[in-house]
C-alpha cells in the first residue's frame, strides 16, 4: 500500500505542477503577445 500511495501522490503532484506550468506559459504568452505600450524601432 505504501508504494501505491507514493506513486499516486507523485503522479498527482506531477499533474498539478504541469497544469500550473501550462497556465503560467499561457498567461506569459498572452501578456507578451499584446504589448502594453508601443516601443519605437531603433
N, C-alpha and C. Protein backbone atom coordinates (compact mmCIF):
# COMPACT_ATOMS: atom_id res chain seq x y z
N UNK A 1 0.83 -1.22 0.00
CA UNK A 1 0.00 0.00 0.00
C UNK A 1 0.87 1.27 0.00
N UNK A 2 2.02 1.18 0.64
CA UNK A 2 2.89 2.36 0.73
C UNK A 2 3.34 2.79 -0.66
N UNK A 3 3.79 1.84 -1.45
CA UNK A 3 4.30 2.18 -2.79
C UNK A 3 3.17 2.74 -3.65
N UNK A 4 1.98 2.17 -3.53
CA UNK A 4 0.83 2.64 -4.33
C UNK A 4 0.49 4.08 -3.96
N UNK A 5 0.45 4.36 -2.66
CA UNK A 5 0.12 5.72 -2.23
C UNK A 5 1.17 6.71 -2.71
N UNK A 6 2.43 6.31 -2.61
CA UNK A 6 3.52 7.20 -3.03
C UNK A 6 3.40 7.47 -4.53
N UNK A 7 3.13 6.42 -5.29
CA UNK A 7 3.03 6.58 -6.74
C UNK A 7 1.86 7.49 -7.10
N UNK A 8 0.72 7.26 -6.45
CA UNK A 8 -0.47 8.07 -6.73
C UNK A 8 -0.21 9.53 -6.37
N UNK A 9 0.41 9.75 -5.21
CA UNK A 9 0.68 11.11 -4.76
C UNK A 9 1.66 11.78 -5.72
N UNK A 10 2.69 11.03 -6.13
CA UNK A 10 3.69 11.58 -7.03
C UNK A 10 3.06 11.95 -8.36
N UNK A 11 2.18 11.07 -8.88
CA UNK A 11 1.52 11.34 -10.16
C UNK A 11 0.64 12.58 -10.04
N UNK A 12 -0.11 12.69 -8.95
CA UNK A 12 -0.99 13.85 -8.76
C UNK A 12 -0.16 15.11 -8.67
N UNK A 13 1.00 15.03 -8.00
CA UNK A 13 1.88 16.20 -7.86
C UNK A 13 2.40 16.62 -9.22
N UNK A 14 2.81 15.65 -10.03
CA UNK A 14 3.34 15.97 -11.37
C UNK A 14 2.25 16.61 -12.23
N UNK A 15 1.04 16.07 -12.16
CA UNK A 15 -0.06 16.64 -12.95
C UNK A 15 -0.35 18.06 -12.50
N UNK A 16 -0.36 18.29 -11.19
CA UNK A 16 -0.64 19.64 -10.67
C UNK A 16 0.43 20.62 -11.12
N UNK A 17 1.69 20.23 -11.04
CA UNK A 17 2.78 21.12 -11.45
C UNK A 17 2.70 21.38 -12.96
N UNK A 18 2.40 20.35 -13.73
CA UNK A 18 2.30 20.52 -15.18
C UNK A 18 1.20 21.52 -15.54
N UNK A 19 0.06 21.41 -14.86
CA UNK A 19 -1.06 22.33 -15.12
C UNK A 19 -0.65 23.76 -14.77
N UNK A 20 0.03 23.93 -13.63
CA UNK A 20 0.46 25.27 -13.23
C UNK A 20 1.44 25.85 -14.24
N UNK A 21 2.36 25.02 -14.71
CA UNK A 21 3.36 25.49 -15.68
C UNK A 21 2.66 25.90 -16.98
N UNK A 22 1.70 25.10 -17.43
CA UNK A 22 0.98 25.42 -18.67
C UNK A 22 0.23 26.74 -18.51
N UNK A 23 -0.43 26.93 -17.37
CA UNK A 23 -1.17 28.17 -17.13
C UNK A 23 -0.21 29.36 -17.14
N UNK A 24 0.94 29.23 -16.51
CA UNK A 24 1.92 30.32 -16.48
C UNK A 24 2.40 30.64 -17.89
N UNK A 25 2.66 29.61 -18.69
CA UNK A 25 3.14 29.83 -20.06
C UNK A 25 2.07 30.55 -20.87
N UNK A 26 0.80 30.13 -20.72
CA UNK A 26 -0.28 30.77 -21.48
C UNK A 26 -0.42 32.23 -21.06
N UNK A 27 -0.37 32.49 -19.75
CA UNK A 27 -0.50 33.87 -19.27
C UNK A 27 0.65 34.72 -19.80
N UNK A 28 1.87 34.21 -19.73
CA UNK A 28 3.03 34.96 -20.23
C UNK A 28 2.92 35.17 -21.73
N UNK A 29 2.41 34.15 -22.46
CA UNK A 29 2.26 34.27 -23.91
C UNK A 29 1.31 35.40 -24.27
N UNK A 30 0.15 35.42 -23.63
CA UNK A 30 -0.82 36.48 -23.94
C UNK A 30 -0.32 37.84 -23.43
N UNK A 31 0.45 37.83 -22.32
CA UNK A 31 0.95 39.08 -21.75
C UNK A 31 1.97 39.72 -22.68
N UNK A 32 2.87 38.91 -23.20
CA UNK A 32 3.91 39.45 -24.09
C UNK A 32 3.40 39.58 -25.52
N UNK A 33 2.35 38.85 -25.87
CA UNK A 33 1.83 38.93 -27.23
C UNK A 33 1.24 40.32 -27.49
N UNK A 34 0.53 40.87 -26.51
CA UNK A 34 -0.04 42.21 -26.67
C UNK A 34 0.82 43.21 -25.89
N UNK A 35 1.63 43.99 -26.57
CA UNK A 35 2.50 44.96 -25.89
C UNK A 35 1.68 45.99 -25.14
N UNK A 36 2.13 46.30 -23.92
CA UNK A 36 1.42 47.29 -23.12
C UNK A 36 1.51 48.67 -23.76
N UNK A 37 2.70 48.98 -24.29
CA UNK A 37 2.88 50.27 -24.97
C UNK A 37 3.81 50.07 -26.16
N UNK A 38 3.51 50.71 -27.28
CA UNK A 38 4.33 50.55 -28.49
C UNK A 38 5.74 51.06 -28.26
N UNK A 39 6.73 50.20 -28.56
CA UNK A 39 8.12 50.61 -28.40
C UNK A 39 8.67 51.08 -29.75
N UNK A 40 9.35 52.23 -29.78
CA UNK A 40 9.89 52.76 -31.03
C UNK A 40 11.00 51.88 -31.58
N UNK A 41 10.99 51.68 -32.88
CA UNK A 41 12.03 50.88 -33.51
C UNK A 41 13.33 51.65 -33.56
N UNK A 42 14.41 51.00 -33.13
CA UNK A 42 15.71 51.68 -33.14
C UNK A 42 16.34 51.55 -34.52
